Amino acid sequence: MKAKKHLLKCALVAGVIISTSTPYAALAKEPSITMSEAEQVLNNLSKEQREALQQLEIGPGFIISPDINTTTPENVEIIVEFKQDPAKVEVKKQMLNQKKIS
């Protein structure tokens, strides 16, 4: 019985040591698609798919007022408006409308 506990402890310690010494980068996979494969996929897009790609907006999903100097290192006070109400507010609104939400 003592030998089993000792063996179990040793196995556990060895497992912890081995798992902490394994570099995580060694576990990372190589990219599964090459540049030529990506180009081939892009070449095979339909007209509608190409138009959809052209309409994608690249950039931040927010608007900064032109009055704000973004190059200064000084802190600036701003007001943030969210598109959706916070969860607590939304729950109370639904309760007022007598709707059941999950």
PDB file of N, CA and C in Angstrom:
ATOM      1  N   MET A   1       0.830  -1.189   0.000  1.00  0.00           N
ATOM      2  CA  MET A   1       0.000   0.000   0.000  1.00  0.00           C
ATOM      3  C   MET A   1       0.873   1.251   0.000  1.00  0.00           C
ATOM      4  N   LYS A   2       1.929   1.231   0.856  1.00  0.00           N
ATOM      5  CA  LYS A   2       2.828   2.372   0.905  1.00  0.00           C
ATOM      6  C   LYS A   2       3.583   2.525  -0.405  1.00  0.00           C
ATOM      7  N   ALA A   3       3.929   1.417  -1.000  1.00  0.00           N
ATOM      8  CA  ALA A   3       4.667   1.459  -2.264  1.00  0.00           C
ATOM      9  C   ALA A   3       3.806   2.066  -3.368  1.00  0.00           C
ATOM     10  N   LYS A   4       2.510   1.767  -3.378  1.00  0.00           N
ATOM     11  CA  LYS A   4       1.613   2.322  -4.389  1.00  0.00           C
ATOM     12  C   LYS A   4       1.481   3.835  -4.232  1.00  0.00           C
ATOM     13  N   LYS A   5       1.366   4.298  -2.976  1.00  0.00           N
ATOM     14  CA  LYS A   5       1.254   5.735  -2.724  1.00  0.00           C
ATOM     15  C   LYS A   5       2.537   6.444  -3.128  1.00  0.00           C
ATOM     16  N   HIS A   6       3.673   5.835  -2.808  1.00  0.00           N
ATOM     17  CA  HIS A   6       4.959   6.425  -3.158  1.00  0.00           C
ATOM     18  C   HIS A   6       5.115   6.497  -4.681  1.00  0.00           C
ATOM     19  N   LEU A   7       4.737   5.424  -5.369  1.00  0.00           N
ATOM     20  CA  LEU A   7       4.817   5.389  -6.816  1.00  0.00           C
ATOM     21  C   LEU A   7       3.884   6.431  -7.449  1.00  0.00           C
ATOM     22  N   LEU A   8       2.700   6.578  -6.884  1.00  0.00           N
ATOM     23  CA  LEU A   8       1.749   7.570  -7.373  1.00  0.00           C
ATOM     24  C   LEU A   8       2.280   8.984  -7.188  1.00  0.00           C
ATOM     25  N   LYS A   9       2.874   9.256  -6.029  1.00  0.00           N
ATOM     26  CA  LYS A   9       3.440  10.581  -5.768  1.00  0.00           C
ATOM     27  C   LYS A   9       4.577  10.878  -6.737  1.00  0.00           C
ATOM     28  N   CYS A  10       5.437   9.905  -6.948  1.00  0.00           N
ATOM     29  CA  CYS A  10       6.565  10.100  -7.868  1.00  0.00           C
ATOM     30  C   CYS A  10       6.064  10.364  -9.284  1.00  0.00           C
ATOM     31  N   ALA A  11       5.068   9.624  -9.716  1.00  0.00           N
ATOM     32  CA  ALA A  11       4.518   9.812 -11.056  1.00  0.00           C
ATOM     33  C   ALA A  11       3.885  11.198 -11.189  1.00  0.00           C
ATOM     34  N   LEU A  12       3.203  11.629 -10.151  1.00  0.00           N
ATOM     35  CA  LEU A  12       2.573  12.945 -10.170  1.00  0.00           C
ATOM     36  C   LEU A  12       3.613  14.052 -10.236  1.00  0.00           C
ATOM     37  N   VAL A  13       4.659  13.951  -9.424  1.00  0.00           N
ATOM     38  CA  VAL A  13       5.731  14.959  -9.421  1.00  0.00           C
ATOM     39  C   VAL A  13       6.438  14.967 -10.772  1.00  0.00           C
ATOM     40  N   ALA A  14       6.716  13.808 -11.311  1.00  0.00           N
ATOM     41  CA  ALA A  14       7.385  13.730 -12.609  1.00  0.00           C
ATOM     42  C   ALA A  14       6.505  14.353 -13.696  1.00  0.00           C
ATOM     43  N   GLY A  15       5.211  14.106 -13.653  1.00  0.00           N
ATOM     44  CA  GLY A  15       4.302  14.687 -14.633  1.00  0.00           C
ATOM     45  C   GLY A  15       4.266  16.192 -14.565  1.00  0.00           C
ATOM     46  N   VAL A  16       4.259  16.736 -13.356  1.00  0.00           N
ATOM     47  CA  VAL A  16       4.237  18.195 -13.189  1.00  0.00           C
ATOM     48  C   VAL A  16       5.542  18.796 -13.698  1.00  0.00           C
ATOM     49  N   ILE A  17       6.653  18.187 -13.375  1.00  0.00           N
ATOM     50  CA  ILE A  17       7.953  18.710 -13.811  1.00  0.00           C
ATOM     51  C   ILE A  17       8.059  18.674 -15.333  1.00  0.00           C
ATOM     52  N   ILE A  18       7.652  17.577 -15.930  1.00  0.00           N
ATOM     53  CA  ILE A  18       7.735  17.467 -17.389  1.00  0.00           C
ATOM     54  C   ILE A  18       6.803  18.458 -18.069  1.00  0.00           C
ATOM     55  N   SER A  19       5.595  18.615 -17.542  1.00  0.00           N
ATOM     56  CA  SER A  19       4.638  19.518 -18.188  1.00  0.00           C
ATOM     57  C   SER A  19       5.065  20.971 -18.075  1.00  0.00           C
ATOM     58  N   THR A  20       5.719  21.356 -16.984  1.00  0.00           N
ATOM     59  CA  THR A  20       6.155  22.747 -16.844  1.00  0.00           C
ATOM     60  C   THR A  20       7.431  23.024 -17.617  1.00  0.00           C
ATOM     61  N   SER A  21       8.193  22.011 -17.932  1.00  0.00           N
ATOM     62  CA  SER A  21       9.445  22.235 -18.658  1.00  0.00           C
ATOM     63  C   SER A  21       9.258  22.185 -20.170  1.00  0.00           C
ATOM     64  N   THR A  22       8.094  21.763 -20.651  1.00  0.00           N
ATOM     65  CA  THR A  22       7.839  21.700 -22.092  1.00  0.00           C
ATOM     66  C   THR A  22       7.507  23.102 -22.599  1.00  0.00           C
ATOM     67  N   PRO A  23       8.273  23.610 -23.559  1.00  0.00           N
ATOM     68  CA  PRO A  23       7.963  24.949 -24.085  1.00  0.00           C
ATOM     69  C   PRO A  23       6.662  24.915 -24.891  1.00  0.00           C
ATOM     70  N   TYR A  24       5.847  25.946 -24.688  1.00  0.00           N
ATOM     71  CA  TYR A  24       4.557  25.984 -25.369  1.00  0.00           C
ATOM     72  C   TYR A  24       4.725  26.203 -26.864  1.00  0.00           C
ATOM     73  N   ALA A  25       5.781  26.884 -27.266  1.00  0.00           N
ATOM     74  CA  ALA A  25       5.991  27.131 -28.692  1.00  0.00           C
ATOM     75  C   ALA A  25       6.227  25.821 -29.443  1.00  0.00           C
ATOM     76  N   ALA A  26       6.764  24.840 -28.749  1.00  0.00           N
ATOM     77  CA  ALA A  26       7.007  23.555 -29.398  1.00  0.00           C
ATOM     78  C   ALA A  26       5.697  22.844 -29.716  1.00  0.00           C
ATOM     79  N   LEU A  27       4.637  23.213 -29.019  1.00  0.00           N
ATOM     80  CA  LEU A  27       3.345  22.590 -29.235  1.00  0.00           C
ATOM     81  C   LEU A  27       2.527  23.294 -30.320  1.00  0.00           C
ATOM     82  N   ALA A  28       2.981  24.460 -30.770  1.00  0.00           N
ATOM     83  CA  ALA A  28       2.241  25.220 -31.769  1.00  0.00           C
ATOM     84  C   ALA A  28       2.345  24.553 -33.135  1.00  0.00           C
ATOM     85  N   LYS A  29       1.280  24.663 -33.895  1.00  0.00           N
ATOM     86  CA  LYS A  29       1.252  24.074 -35.233  1.00  0.00           C
ATOM     87  C   LYS A  29       1.770  25.071 -36.250  1.00  0.00           C
ATOM     88  N   GLU A  30       2.268  24.540 -37.334  1.00  0.00           N
ATOM     89  CA  GLU A  30       2.636  25.372 -38.468  1.00  0.00           C
ATOM     90  C   GLU A  30       1.346  25.847 -39.137  1.00  0.00           C
ATOM     91  N   PRO A  31       1.388  26.978 -39.829  1.00  0.00           N
ATOM     92  CA  PRO A  31       0.180  27.416 -40.535  1.00  0.00           C
ATOM     93  C   PRO A  31      -0.289  26.336 -41.500  1.00  0.00           C
ATOM     94  N   SER A  32      -1.579  26.118 -41.542  1.00  0.00           N
ATOM     95  CA  SER A  32      -2.115  25.043 -42.362  1.00  0.00           C
ATOM     96  C   SER A  32      -2.336  25.458 -43.811  1.00  0.00           C
ATOM     97  N   ILE A  33      -2.197  26.752 -44.123  1.00  0.00           N
ATOM     98  CA  ILE A  33      -2.414  27.215 -45.493  1.00  0.00           C
ATOM     99  C   ILE A  33      -1.214  28.057 -45.910  1.00  0.00           C
ATOM    100  N   THR A  34      -0.755  27.839 -47.118  1.00  0.00           N
ATOM    101  CA  THR A  34       0.382  28.592 -47.639  1.00  0.00           C
ATOM    102  C   THR A  34      -0.114  29.808 -48.409  1.00  0.00           C
ATOM    103  N   MET A  35       0.822  30.666 -48.766  1.00  0.00           N
ATOM    104  CA  MET A  35       0.460  31.881 -49.494  1.00  0.00           C
ATOM    105  C   MET A  35      -0.121  31.544 -50.860  1.00  0.00           C
ATOM    106  N   SER A  36       0.441  30.551 -51.534  1.00  0.00           N
ATOM    107  CA  SER A  36      -0.076  30.195 -52.862  1.00  0.00           C
ATOM    108  C   SER A  36      -1.489  29.616 -52.755  1.00  0.00           C
ATOM    109  N   GLU A  37      -1.763  28.867 -51.687  1.00  0.00           N
ATOM    110  CA  GLU A  37      -3.119  28.343 -51.495  1.00  0.00           C
ATOM    111  C   GLU A  37      -4.103  29.474 -51.230  1.00  0.00           C
ATOM    112  N   ALA A  38      -3.671  30.480 -50.453  1.00  0.00           N
ATOM    113  CA  ALA A  38      -4.534  31.634 -50.177  1.00  0.00           C
ATOM    114  C   ALA A  38      -4.827  32.400 -51.457  1.00  0.00           C
ATOM    115  N   GLU A  39      -3.802  32.569 -52.289  1.00  0.00           N
ATOM    116  CA  GLU A  39      -4.005  33.261 -53.571  1.00  0.00           C
ATOM    117  C   GLU A  39      -4.966  32.473 -54.460  1.00  0.00           C
ATOM    118  N   GLN A  40      -4.864  31.163 -54.433  1.00  0.00           N
ATOM    119  CA  GLN A  40      -5.753  30.327 -55.231  1.00  0.00           C
ATOM    120  C   GLN A  40      -7.199  30.485 -54.765  1.00  0.00           C
ATOM    121  N   VAL A  41      -7.407  30.537 -53.460  1.00  0.00           N
ATOM    122  CA  VAL A  41      -8.753  30.725 -52.917  1.00  0.00           C
ATOM    123  C   VAL A  41      -9.303  32.079 -53.354  1.00  0.00           C
ATOM    124  N   LEU A  42      -8.467  33.117 -53.274  1.00  0.00           N
ATOM    125  CA  LEU A  42      -8.913  34.445 -53.685  1.00  0.00           C
ATOM    126  C   LEU A  42      -9.229  34.500 -55.178  1.00  0.00           C
ATOM    127  N   ASN A  43      -8.472  33.803 -55.982  1.00  0.00           N
ATOM    128  CA  ASN A  43      -8.719  33.790 -57.431  1.00  0.00           C
ATOM    129  C   ASN A  43     -10.029  33.087 -57.787  1.00  0.00           C
ATOM    130  N   ASN A  44     -10.483  32.184 -56.933  1.00  0.00           N
ATOM    131  CA  ASN A  44     -11.698  31.415 -57.214  1.00  0.00           C
ATOM    132  C   ASN A  44     -12.963  32.040 -56.623  1.00  0.00           C
ATOM    133  N   LEU A  45     -12.872  33.273 -56.095  1.00  0.00           N
ATOM    134  CA  LEU A  45     -14.045  33.924 -55.514  1.00  0.00           C
ATOM    135  C   LEU A  45     -15.013  34.361 -56.603  1.00  0.00           C
ATOM    136  N   SER A  46     -16.297  34.316 -56.265  1.00  0.00           N
ATOM    137  CA  SER A  46     -17.314  34.795 -57.204  1.00  0.00           C
ATOM    138  C   SER A  46     -17.366  36.323 -57.165  1.00  0.00           C
ATOM    139  N   LYS A  47     -18.109  36.895 -58.101  1.00  0.00           N
ATOM    140  CA  LYS A  47     -18.232  38.359 -58.173  1.00  0.00           C
ATOM    141  C   LYS A  47     -18.851  38.916 -56.895  1.00  0.00           C
ATOM    142  N   GLU A  48     -19.861  38.244 -56.373  1.00  0.00           N
ATOM    143  CA  GLU A  48     -20.536  38.697 -55.151  1.00  0.00           C
ATOM    144  C   GLU A  48     -19.588  38.633 -53.948  1.00  0.00           C
ATOM    145  N   GLN A  49     -18.784  37.581 -53.904  1.00  0.00           N
ATOM    146  CA  GLN A  49     -17.834  37.449 -52.801  1.00  0.00           C
ATOM    147  C   GLN A  49     -16.762  38.533 -52.868  1.00  0.00           C
ATOM    148  N   ARG A  50     -16.320  38.870 -54.071  1.00  0.00           N
ATOM    149  CA  ARG A  50     -15.329  39.936 -54.231  1.00  0.00           C
ATOM    150  C   ARG A  50     -15.912  41.286 -53.796  1.00  0.00           C
ATOM    151  N   GLU A  51     -17.165  41.543 -54.177  1.00  0.00           N
ATOM    152  CA  GLU A  51     -17.814  42.796 -53.773  1.00  0.00           C
ATOM    153  C   GLU A  51     -17.963  42.872 -52.260  1.00  0.00           C
ATOM    154  N   ALA A  52     -18.288  41.740 -51.631  1.00  0.00           N
ATOM    155  CA  ALA A  52     -18.416  41.709 -50.170  1.00  0.00           C
ATOM    156  C   ALA A  52     -17.076  42.001 -49.511  1.00  0.00           C
ATOM    157  N   LEU A  53     -15.995  41.482 -50.073  1.00  0.00           N
ATOM    158  CA  LEU A  53     -14.666  41.773 -49.525  1.00  0.00           C
ATOM    159  C   LEU A  53     -14.318  43.246 -49.661  1.00  0.00           C
ATOM    160  N   GLN A  54     -14.718  43.862 -50.777  1.00  0.00           N
ATOM    161  CA  GLN A  54     -14.441  45.277 -50.996  1.00  0.00           C
ATOM    162  C   GLN A  54     -15.204  46.161 -50.011  1.00  0.00           C
ATOM    163  N   GLN A  55     -16.370  45.694 -49.560  1.00  0.00           N
ATOM    164  CA  GLN A  55     -17.203  46.492 -48.668  1.00  0.00           C
ATOM    165  C   GLN A  55     -16.803  46.371 -47.209  1.00  0.00           C
ATOM    166  N   LEU A  56     -15.919  45.436 -46.895  1.00  0.00           N
ATOM    167  CA  LEU A  56     -15.479  45.287 -45.511  1.00  0.00           C
ATOM    168  C   LEU A  56     -14.747  46.540 -45.069  1.00  0.00           C
ATOM    169  N   GLU A  57     -15.042  46.987 -43.881  1.00  0.00           N
ATOM    170  CA  GLU A  57     -14.362  48.158 -43.340  1.00  0.00           C
ATOM    171  C   GLU A  57     -13.165  47.691 -42.534  1.00  0.00           C
ATOM    172  N   ILE A  58     -12.007  48.209 -42.885  1.00  0.00           N
ATOM    173  CA  ILE A  58     -10.803  47.893 -42.139  1.00  0.00           C
ATOM    174  C   ILE A  58     -10.476  49.116 -41.302  1.00  0.00           C
ATOM    175  N   GLY A  59     -10.408  48.924 -40.028  1.00  0.00           N
ATOM    176  CA  GLY A  59     -10.117  50.027 -39.131  1.00  0.00           C
ATOM    177  C   GLY A  59     -10.871  49.838 -37.837  1.00  0.00           C
ATOM    178  N   PRO A  60     -10.761  50.805 -36.969  1.00  0.00           N
ATOM    179  CA  PRO A  60     -11.432  50.671 -35.675  1.00  0.00           C
ATOM    180  C   PRO A  60     -12.943  50.765 -35.834  1.00  0.00           C
ATOM    181  N   GLY A  61     -13.651  50.154 -34.924  1.00  0.00           N
ATOM    182  CA  GLY A  61     -15.100  50.182 -34.956  1.00  0.00           C
ATOM    183  C   GLY A  61     -15.660  51.353 -34.179  1.00  0.00           C
ATOM    184  N   PHE A  62     -14.896  52.411 -34.064  1.00  0.00           N
ATOM    185  CA  PHE A  62     -15.358  53.574 -33.309  1.00  0.00           C
ATOM    186  C   PHE A  62     -14.961  54.843 -34.057  1.00  0.00           C
ATOM    187  N   ILE A  63     -15.582  55.952 -33.657  1.00  0.00           N
ATOM    188  CA  ILE A  63     -15.312  57.241 -34.295  1.00  0.00           C
ATOM    189  C   ILE A  63     -14.743  58.176 -33.244  1.00  0.00           C
ATOM    190  N   ILE A  64     -13.644  58.839 -33.595  1.00  0.00           N
ATOM    191  CA  ILE A  64     -13.040  59.826 -32.697  1.00  0.00           C
ATOM    192  C   ILE A  64     -13.376  61.202 -33.244  1.00  0.00           C
ATOM    193  N   SER A  65     -13.845  62.066 -32.366  1.00  0.00           N
ATOM    194  CA  SER A  65     -14.203  63.419 -32.776  1.00  0.00           C
ATOM    195  C   SER A  65     -12.984  64.126 -33.354  1.00  0.00           C
ATOM    196  N   PRO A  66     -13.161  64.879 -34.452  1.00  0.00           N
ATOM    197  CA  PRO A  66     -12.022  65.597 -35.038  1.00  0.00           C
ATOM    198  C   PRO A  66     -11.513  66.713 -34.134  1.00  0.00           C
ATOM    199  N   ASP A  67     -12.299  67.101 -33.119  1.00  0.00           N
ATOM    200  CA  ASP A  67     -11.874  68.150 -32.198  1.00  0.00           C
ATOM    201  C   ASP A  67     -10.793  67.664 -31.239  1.00  0.00           C
ATOM    202  N   ILE A  68     -10.635  66.348 -31.116  1.00  0.00           N
ATOM    203  CA  ILE A  68      -9.679  65.794 -30.160  1.00  0.00           C
ATOM    204  C   ILE A  68      -8.322  65.656 -30.825  1.00  0.00           C
ATOM    205  N   ASN A  69      -7.298  66.190 -30.169  1.00  0.00           N
ATOM    206  CA  ASN A  69      -5.929  66.076 -30.663  1.00  0.00           C
ATOM    207  C   ASN A  69      -5.391  64.712 -30.225  1.00  0.00           C
ATOM    208  N   THR A  70      -5.263  63.783 -31.166  1.00  0.00           N
ATOM    209  CA  THR A  70      -4.820  62.426 -30.841  1.00  0.00           C
ATOM    210  C   THR A  70      -3.304  62.289 -30.789  1.00  0.00           C
ATOM    211  N   THR A  71      -2.580  63.355 -31.123  1.00  0.00           N
ATOM    212  CA  THR A  71      -1.116  63.278 -31.122  1.00  0.00           C
ATOM    213  C   THR A  71      -0.498  63.769 -29.826  1.00  0.00           C
ATOM    214  N   THR A  72      -1.278  64.355 -28.960  1.00  0.00           N
ATOM    215  CA  THR A  72      -0.748  64.876 -27.702  1.00  0.00           C
ATOM    216  C   THR A  72      -0.615  63.763 -26.671  1.00  0.00           C
ATOM    217  N   PRO A  73       0.414  63.818 -25.837  1.00  0.00           N
ATOM    218  CA  PRO A  73       0.567  62.795 -24.790  1.00  0.00           C
ATOM    219  C   PRO A  73      -0.329  63.043 -23.573  1.00  0.00           C
ATOM    220  N   GLU A  74      -1.025  64.172 -23.543  1.00  0.00           N
ATOM    221  CA  GLU A  74      -1.879  64.501 -22.400  1.00  0.00           C
ATOM    222  C   GLU A  74      -3.155  63.659 -22.418  1.00  0.00           C
ATOM    223  N   ASN A  75      -3.690  63.373 -21.237  1.00  0.00           N
ATOM    224  CA  ASN A  75      -4.948  62.633 -21.131  1.00  0.00           C
ATOM    225  C   ASN A  75      -6.107  63.501 -21.612  1.00  0.00           C
ATOM    226  N   VAL A  76      -7.082  62.859 -22.203  1.00  0.00           N
ATOM    227  CA  VAL A  76      -8.252  63.547 -22.725  1.00  0.00           C
ATOM    228  C   VAL A  76      -9.488  62.869 -22.159  1.00  0.00           C
ATOM    229  N   GLU A  77     -10.464  63.668 -21.709  1.00  0.00           N
ATOM    230  CA  GLU A  77     -11.715  63.099 -21.222  1.00  0.00           C
ATOM    231  C   GLU A  77     -12.632  62.852 -22.411  1.00  0.00           C
ATOM    232  N   ILE A  78     -13.243  61.668 -22.427  1.00  0.00           N
ATOM    233  CA  ILE A  78     -14.136  61.312 -23.518  1.00  0.00           C
ATOM    234  C   ILE A  78     -15.419  60.718 -22.965  1.00  0.00           C
ATOM    235  N   ILE A  79     -16.437  60.685 -23.808  1.00  0.00           N
ATOM    236  CA  ILE A  79     -17.699  60.033 -23.477  1.00  0.00           C
ATOM    237  C   ILE A  79     -17.857  58.859 -24.433  1.00  0.00           C
ATOM    238  N   VAL A  80     -18.129  57.695 -23.881  1.00  0.00           N
ATOM    239  CA  VAL A  80     -18.277  56.488 -24.685  1.00  0.00           C
ATOM    240  C   VAL A  80     -19.751  56.109 -24.735  1.00  0.00           C
ATOM    241  N   GLU A  81     -20.288  55.923 -25.941  1.00  0.00           N
ATOM    242  CA  GLU A  81     -21.658  55.479 -26.116  1.00  0.00           C
ATOM    243  C   GLU A  81     -21.645  54.082 -26.708  1.00  0.00           C
ATOM    244  N   PHE A  82     -22.296  53.151 -26.037  1.00  0.00           N
ATOM    245  CA  PHE A  82     -22.363  51.783 -26.513  1.00  0.00           C
ATOM    246  C   PHE A  82     -23.611  51.586 -27.369  1.00  0.00           C
ATOM    247  N   LYS A  83     -23.522  50.674 -28.324  1.00  0.00           N
ATOM    248  CA  LYS A  83     -24.664  50.380 -29.183  1.00  0.00           C
ATOM    249  C   LYS A  83     -25.735  49.613 -28.426  1.00  0.00           C
ATOM    250  N   GLN A  84     -25.311  48.835 -27.443  1.00  0.00           N
ATOM    251  CA  GLN A  84     -26.242  48.000 -26.686  1.00  0.00           C
ATOM    252  C   GLN A  84     -26.216  48.430 -25.225  1.00  0.00           C
ATOM    253  N   ASP A  85     -27.376  48.357 -24.582  1.00  0.00           N
ATOM    254  CA  ASP A  85     -27.454  48.691 -23.170  1.00  0.00           C
ATOM    255  C   ASP A  85     -26.725  47.645 -22.341  1.00  0.00           C
ATOM    256  N   PRO A  86     -26.251  48.040 -21.150  1.00  0.00           N
ATOM    257  CA  PRO A  86     -25.658  47.044 -20.258  1.00  0.00           C
ATOM    258  C   PRO A  86     -26.690  45.973 -19.892  1.00  0.00           C
ATOM    259  N   ALA A  87     -26.216  44.817 -19.484  1.00  0.00           N
ATOM    260  CA  ALA A  87     -27.090  43.672 -19.221  1.00  0.00           C
ATOM    261  C   ALA A  87     -28.160  43.999 -18.189  1.00  0.00           C
ATOM    262  N   LYS A  88     -27.795  44.677 -17.103  1.00  0.00           N
ATOM    263  CA  LYS A  88     -28.779  44.982 -16.056  1.00  0.00           C
ATOM    264  C   LYS A  88     -29.895  45.886 -16.588  1.00  0.00           C
ATOM    265  N   VAL A  89     -29.527  46.867 -17.407  1.00  0.00           N
ATOM    266  CA  VAL A  89     -30.519  47.784 -17.968  1.00  0.00           C
ATOM    267  C   VAL A  89     -31.433  47.032 -18.926  1.00  0.00           C
ATOM    268  N   GLU A  90     -30.855  46.166 -19.750  1.00  0.00           N
ATOM    269  CA  GLU A  90     -31.647  45.407 -20.709  1.00  0.00           C
ATOM    270  C   GLU A  90     -32.631  44.480 -19.995  1.00  0.00           C
ATOM    271  N   VAL A  91     -32.206  43.860 -18.895  1.00  0.00           N
ATOM    272  CA  VAL A  91     -33.091  42.971 -18.130  1.00  0.00           C
ATOM    273  C   VAL A  91     -34.259  43.766 -17.564  1.00  0.00           C
ATOM    274  N   LYS A  92     -33.977  44.955 -17.028  1.00  0.00           N
ATOM    275  CA  LYS A  92     -35.055  45.775 -16.459  1.00  0.00           C
ATOM    276  C   LYS A  92     -36.026  46.246 -17.538  1.00  0.00           C
ATOM    277  N   LYS A  93     -35.502  46.570 -18.725  1.00  0.00           N
ATOM    278  CA  LYS A  93     -36.388  46.965 -19.818  1.00  0.00           C
ATOM    279  C   LYS A  93     -37.309  45.815 -20.213  1.00  0.00           C
ATOM    280  N   GLN A  94     -36.750  44.626 -20.283  1.00  0.00           N
ATOM    281  CA  GLN A  94     -37.551  43.466 -20.654  1.00  0.00           C
ATOM    282  C   GLN A  94     -38.589  43.154 -19.582  1.00  0.00           C
ATOM    283  N   MET A  95     -38.227  43.373 -18.317  1.00  0.00           N
ATOM    284  CA  MET A  95     -39.189  43.144 -17.230  1.00  0.00           C
ATOM    285  C   MET A  95     -40.345  44.132 -17.330  1.00  0.00           C
ATOM    286  N   LEU A  96     -40.037  45.396 -17.707  1.00  0.00           N
ATOM    287  CA  LEU A  96     -41.090  46.390 -17.859  1.00  0.00           C
ATOM    288  C   LEU A  96     -42.042  46.017 -18.994  1.00  0.00           C
ATOM    289  N   ASN A  97     -41.506  45.418 -20.027  1.00  0.00           N
ATOM    290  CA  ASN A  97     -42.333  44.977 -21.166  1.00  0.00           C
ATOM    291  C   ASN A  97     -42.950  43.613 -20.913  1.00  0.00           C
ATOM    292  N   GLN A  98     -42.722  43.075 -19.746  1.00  0.00           N
ATOM    293  CA  GLN A  98     -43.243  41.768 -19.325  1.00  0.00           C
ATOM    294  C   GLN A  98     -42.834  40.662 -20.266  1.00  0.00           C
ATOM    295  N   LYS A  99     -41.579  40.733 -20.719  1.00  0.00           N
ATOM    296  CA  LYS A  99     -41.024  39.690 -21.557  1.00  0.00           C
ATOM    297  C   LYS A  99     -40.096  38.827 -20.711  1.00  0.00           C
ATOM    298  N   LYS A 100     -40.097  37.547 -20.983  1.00  0.00           N
ATOM    299  CA  LYS A 100     -39.240  36.623 -20.252  1.00  0.00           C
ATOM    300  C   LYS A 100     -37.938  36.464 -21.026  1.00  0.00           C
ATOM    301  N   ILE A 101     -36.807  36.646 -20.347  1.00  0.00           N
ATOM    302  CA  ILE A 101     -35.508  36.485 -20.989  1.00  0.00           C
ATOM    303  C   ILE A 101     -34.674  35.503 -20.218  1.00  0.00           C
ATOM    304  N   SER A 102     -33.669  34.990 -20.884  1.00  0.00           N
ATOM    305  CA  SER A 102     -32.799  34.024 -20.210  1.00  0.00           C
ATOM    306  C   SER A 102     -31.481  34.689 -19.870  1.00  0.00           C
TER     307      SER A 102
END
